[in-house]
Protein backbone atom coordinates (compact mmCIF):
# COMPACT_ATOMS: atom_id res chain seq x y z
CA MET A 1 -5.74 -31.40 -33.99
CA GLY A 2 -3.97 -34.33 -32.38
CA GLY A 3 -3.23 -34.53 -28.66
CA ALA A 4 0.53 -34.02 -29.07
CA LEU A 5 0.02 -30.96 -31.26
CA ARG A 6 -2.53 -29.53 -28.78
CA ARG A 7 -0.09 -30.02 -25.90
CA LEU A 8 2.71 -28.36 -27.88
CA ARG A 9 0.47 -25.41 -28.72
CA CYS A 10 -0.60 -25.04 -25.07
CA THR A 11 3.03 -25.21 -23.97
CA GLU A 12 4.01 -22.53 -26.50
CA GLU A 13 1.12 -20.30 -25.41
CA ALA A 14 2.03 -20.76 -21.74
CA GLU A 15 5.66 -19.87 -22.47
CA ASP A 16 4.57 -16.79 -24.41
CA ALA A 17 2.28 -15.74 -21.54
CA ARG A 18 5.14 -16.18 -19.07
CA ARG A 19 7.43 -14.01 -21.21
CA ARG A 20 4.76 -11.31 -21.42
CA ALA A 21 4.11 -11.42 -17.67
CA ASP A 22 7.83 -11.19 -16.92
CA ALA A 23 8.17 -8.24 -19.33
CA LEU A 24 5.22 -6.48 -17.65
CA THR A 25 6.58 -6.85 -14.12
CA GLY A 26 10.12 -6.15 -15.28
CA ARG A 27 9.00 -2.83 -16.72
CA PHE A 28 6.38 -1.65 -14.22
CA ALA A 29 6.87 -3.58 -10.94
CA CYS A 30 10.14 -2.10 -9.73
CA PRO A 31 11.43 1.19 -8.36
CA ALA A 32 12.58 3.73 -10.95
CA GLU A 33 16.06 5.23 -10.84
CA THR A 34 14.52 8.64 -10.08
CA GLU A 35 11.14 9.44 -8.58
CA THR A 36 8.65 8.83 -11.34
CA HIS A 37 4.89 8.84 -11.66
CA GLU A 38 3.69 6.75 -14.57
CA VAL A 39 0.20 6.11 -15.90
CA LEU A 40 -0.38 2.72 -17.44
CA VAL A 41 -3.61 2.43 -19.38
CA THR A 42 -4.25 -1.24 -19.88
CA HIS A 43 -6.67 -4.11 -19.48
CA ALA A 44 -7.87 -5.76 -16.28
CA TYR A 45 -5.64 -8.81 -16.78
CA GLN A 46 -2.47 -6.76 -16.59
CA VAL A 47 -3.75 -4.79 -13.60
CA ALA A 48 -4.57 -8.04 -11.79
CA TRP A 49 -1.11 -9.43 -12.57
CA LEU A 50 0.63 -6.31 -11.24
CA VAL A 51 -1.50 -6.29 -8.06
CA ARG A 52 -0.82 -10.00 -7.55
CA ASP A 53 2.89 -9.31 -7.94
CA ALA A 54 2.77 -6.38 -5.49
CA LEU A 55 1.06 -8.60 -2.91
CA ASP A 56 3.58 -11.40 -3.55
CA ALA A 57 0.69 -13.79 -4.12
CA PRO A 58 1.08 -17.06 -6.04
CA PRO A 59 0.70 -16.70 -9.84
CA VAL A 60 -2.72 -18.37 -9.93
CA ARG A 61 -4.20 -15.66 -7.64
CA TRP A 62 -4.40 -13.04 -10.41
CA LEU A 63 -7.43 -14.88 -11.74
CA GLY A 64 -9.52 -13.86 -8.73
CA LEU A 65 -8.75 -10.13 -9.01
CA ASN A 66 -11.48 -8.46 -11.04
CA CYS A 67 -11.29 -4.86 -12.15
CA GLY A 68 -14.07 -2.62 -13.40
CA ASN A 69 -13.82 -0.76 -16.68
CA ALA A 70 -11.91 2.52 -16.24
CA ALA A 71 -11.18 1.74 -12.56
CA LEU A 72 -8.04 3.22 -10.99
CA THR A 73 -5.35 1.20 -9.28
CA VAL A 74 -2.20 2.74 -7.77
CA ILE A 75 0.84 0.68 -6.78
CA GLU A 76 3.85 2.33 -5.18
CA HIS A 77 7.34 0.89 -5.67
CA ARG A 78 10.19 2.32 -3.58
CA ASP A 79 13.73 1.13 -2.97
CA GLY A 80 14.16 -0.89 0.20
CA THR A 81 10.47 -1.64 0.82
CA GLU A 82 7.88 -4.01 -0.49
CA PRO A 83 5.42 -2.63 -3.06
CA THR A 84 2.32 -0.97 -1.65
CA VAL A 85 -1.13 -1.14 -3.21
CA LEU A 86 -2.42 2.36 -2.46
CA LEU A 87 -5.66 2.16 -4.42
CA TYR A 88 -7.43 -0.76 -6.06
CA ASN A 89 -10.39 -0.75 -8.42
CA ASP A 90 -11.49 2.79 -7.49
CA MET A 91 -14.44 3.93 -9.61
CA GLY A 92 -15.31 7.08 -7.68
CA HIS A 93 -14.44 9.30 -10.64
CA LEU A 94 -17.11 7.63 -12.80
CA PRO A 95 -20.81 8.49 -12.86
CA ALA A 96 -22.89 5.90 -11.00
CA GLU A 97 -24.28 4.36 -14.19
CA LEU A 98 -20.77 3.53 -15.43
CA ARG A 99 -19.43 2.05 -12.21
CA TRP A 100 -19.04 -1.72 -12.13
CA THR A 101 -19.22 -2.07 -15.90
CA GLY A 102 -17.38 -5.18 -16.95
CA PHE A 103 -18.88 -7.24 -14.12
CA GLY A 104 -21.90 -9.47 -14.04
CA ALA A 105 -25.15 -8.09 -12.62
CA GLY A 106 -24.71 -9.87 -9.26
CA THR A 107 -21.27 -8.39 -8.60
CA ARG A 108 -22.34 -4.84 -7.79
CA PRO A 109 -22.40 -3.76 -4.15
């Protein structure tokens, strides 16, 4: 693959990623019209992006937010206030042997 074609492909992939990220935050990172409690079952990347958005961190910061498999994260969105991260990466509901799965061996506390 030539350099120009590689750059075009990377640009297209970046644009697609941006559209997906905007769709994710547009759907889940805003107050609902009525009080709503929603459960989003997804992958760690989307959780990290939503937490990054809630904290108003720069886009590159989502890369440093790691989530365990089946961990719980709760973000509250209300009119007139900034989003609040109520719970992040909670694995207390899992048996000890399943906590911290998805991380390298050195990451466990």
